[in-house]
């Protein structure tokens, strides 16, 4: 395999892997769900729990 061929293959693989890594990082959940966010407020329609 020539140097050019191996370089092009490495570059193509690097670009594909970079995209995969970006999508993987993007897919990680970064925000809480509304259920988790408002869990401390108690049941809807009822008074909030005392601390």
N, C-alpha and C. Protein backbone atom coordinates (compact mmCIF):
# COMPACT_ATOMS: atom_id res chain seq x y z
N UNK A 1 0.86 -1.18 0.00
CA UNK A 1 0.00 0.00 0.00
C UNK A 1 0.90 1.24 0.00
N UNK A 2 0.56 2.20 -0.85
CA UNK A 2 1.37 3.40 -0.94
C UNK A 2 1.09 4.33 0.24
N UNK A 3 1.98 5.26 0.43
CA UNK A 3 1.83 6.23 1.52
C UNK A 3 0.57 7.08 1.33
N UNK A 4 0.30 7.45 0.07
CA UNK A 4 -0.88 8.26 -0.22
C UNK A 4 -2.15 7.50 0.11
N UNK A 5 -2.21 6.22 -0.29
CA UNK A 5 -3.40 5.40 -0.03
C UNK A 5 -3.65 5.25 1.46
N UNK A 6 -2.57 4.99 2.22
CA UNK A 6 -2.74 4.82 3.66
C UNK A 6 -3.14 6.13 4.33
N UNK A 7 -2.60 7.24 3.84
CA UNK A 7 -2.95 8.55 4.40
C UNK A 7 -4.42 8.87 4.14
N UNK A 8 -4.88 8.61 2.91
CA UNK A 8 -6.28 8.89 2.57
C UNK A 8 -7.22 8.02 3.38
N UNK A 9 -6.84 6.75 3.56
CA UNK A 9 -7.68 5.84 4.35
C UNK A 9 -7.75 6.30 5.80
N UNK A 10 -6.60 6.71 6.33
CA UNK A 10 -6.56 7.18 7.72
C UNK A 10 -7.39 8.45 7.89
N UNK A 11 -7.29 9.35 6.92
CA UNK A 11 -8.06 10.60 6.97
C UNK A 11 -9.56 10.33 6.92
N UNK A 12 -9.96 9.43 6.02
CA UNK A 12 -11.39 9.09 5.89
C UNK A 12 -11.91 8.46 7.19
N UNK A 13 -11.12 7.53 7.74
CA UNK A 13 -11.52 6.87 8.98
C UNK A 13 -11.60 7.88 10.12
N UNK A 14 -10.65 8.81 10.17
CA UNK A 14 -10.64 9.83 11.22
C UNK A 14 -11.90 10.69 11.15
N UNK A 15 -12.28 11.09 9.95
CA UNK A 15 -13.48 11.91 9.78
C UNK A 15 -14.75 11.16 10.19
N UNK A 16 -14.81 9.87 9.82
CA UNK A 16 -15.98 9.07 10.20
C UNK A 16 -16.05 8.91 11.71
N UNK A 17 -14.92 8.61 12.33
CA UNK A 17 -14.89 8.43 13.78
C UNK A 17 -15.20 9.73 14.51
N UNK A 18 -14.75 10.86 13.96
CA UNK A 18 -15.02 12.16 14.56
C UNK A 18 -16.52 12.42 14.59
N UNK A 19 -17.20 12.07 13.50
CA UNK A 19 -18.64 12.22 13.44
C UNK A 19 -19.34 11.32 14.44
N UNK A 20 -18.86 10.08 14.55
CA UNK A 20 -19.45 9.14 15.51
C UNK A 20 -19.28 9.65 16.94
N UNK A 21 -18.08 10.17 17.26
CA UNK A 21 -17.82 10.68 18.61
C UNK A 21 -18.70 11.89 18.90
N UNK A 22 -18.88 12.76 17.89
CA UNK A 22 -19.72 13.95 18.07
C UNK A 22 -21.17 13.55 18.35
N UNK A 23 -21.67 12.60 17.57
CA UNK A 23 -23.06 12.16 17.76
C UNK A 23 -23.24 11.47 19.10
N UNK A 24 -22.24 10.70 19.53
CA UNK A 24 -22.32 10.00 20.81
C UNK A 24 -22.38 11.00 21.97
N UNK A 25 -21.53 12.01 21.90
CA UNK A 25 -21.52 13.05 22.95
C UNK A 25 -22.84 13.82 22.93
N UNK A 26 -23.36 14.04 21.74
CA UNK A 26 -24.61 14.79 21.58
C UNK A 26 -25.80 14.00 22.16
N UNK A 27 -25.73 12.68 22.09
CA UNK A 27 -26.86 11.86 22.50
C UNK A 27 -26.94 11.69 24.02
N UNK A 28 -25.87 12.03 24.73
CA UNK A 28 -25.90 11.89 26.18
C UNK A 28 -26.88 12.90 26.76
N UNK A 29 -27.67 12.47 27.72
CA UNK A 29 -28.71 13.32 28.29
C UNK A 29 -28.07 14.36 29.20
N UNK A 30 -28.31 15.63 28.92
CA UNK A 30 -27.68 16.69 29.69
C UNK A 30 -28.67 17.44 30.58
N UNK A 31 -29.96 17.29 30.32
CA UNK A 31 -30.95 18.00 31.12
C UNK A 31 -31.87 17.01 31.82
N UNK A 32 -32.41 17.43 32.94
CA UNK A 32 -33.35 16.60 33.69
C UNK A 32 -34.70 16.61 33.00
N UNK A 33 -35.47 15.54 33.18
CA UNK A 33 -36.83 15.51 32.68
C UNK A 33 -37.68 16.40 33.58
N UNK A 34 -38.85 16.77 33.10
CA UNK A 34 -39.73 17.63 33.92
C UNK A 34 -40.14 16.91 35.20
N UNK A 35 -40.28 15.59 35.13
CA UNK A 35 -40.64 14.81 36.33
C UNK A 35 -39.52 14.93 37.37
N UNK A 36 -38.28 14.76 36.92
CA UNK A 36 -37.14 14.86 37.83
C UNK A 36 -36.96 16.29 38.34
N UNK A 37 -37.17 17.26 37.45
CA UNK A 37 -36.95 18.66 37.79
C UNK A 37 -37.93 19.14 38.86
N UNK A 38 -39.18 18.71 38.76
CA UNK A 38 -40.21 19.19 39.68
C UNK A 38 -40.59 18.16 40.75
N UNK A 39 -39.75 17.15 40.95
CA UNK A 39 -40.04 16.08 41.91
C UNK A 39 -40.20 16.61 43.33
N UNK A 40 -39.46 17.64 43.69
CA UNK A 40 -39.51 18.18 45.04
C UNK A 40 -40.76 18.99 45.33
N UNK A 41 -41.56 19.28 44.34
CA UNK A 41 -42.77 20.09 44.54
C UNK A 41 -43.96 19.28 45.01
N UNK A 42 -43.85 17.97 45.03
CA UNK A 42 -44.96 17.13 45.48
C UNK A 42 -45.97 16.86 44.38
N UNK A 43 -47.10 16.31 44.78
CA UNK A 43 -48.14 15.94 43.82
C UNK A 43 -48.84 17.18 43.27
N UNK A 44 -49.26 17.14 41.98
CA UNK A 44 -49.99 18.27 41.42
C UNK A 44 -51.33 18.45 42.11
N UNK A 45 -51.70 19.68 42.38
CA UNK A 45 -52.98 19.97 43.02
C UNK A 45 -52.95 19.89 44.53
N UNK A 46 -51.82 19.49 45.09
CA UNK A 46 -51.69 19.40 46.54
C UNK A 46 -50.65 20.41 46.99
N UNK A 47 -50.69 20.83 48.24
CA UNK A 47 -49.68 21.80 48.70
C UNK A 47 -48.27 21.19 48.68
N UNK A 48 -47.29 22.05 48.51
CA UNK A 48 -45.91 21.59 48.47
C UNK A 48 -45.51 21.05 49.84
N UNK A 49 -44.64 20.04 49.88
CA UNK A 49 -44.23 19.50 51.17
C UNK A 49 -43.42 20.52 51.98
N UNK A 50 -43.60 20.50 53.28
CA UNK A 50 -42.85 21.39 54.17
C UNK A 50 -41.44 20.85 54.32
N UNK A 51 -40.49 21.74 54.48
CA UNK A 51 -39.09 21.30 54.62
C UNK A 51 -38.72 20.95 56.01
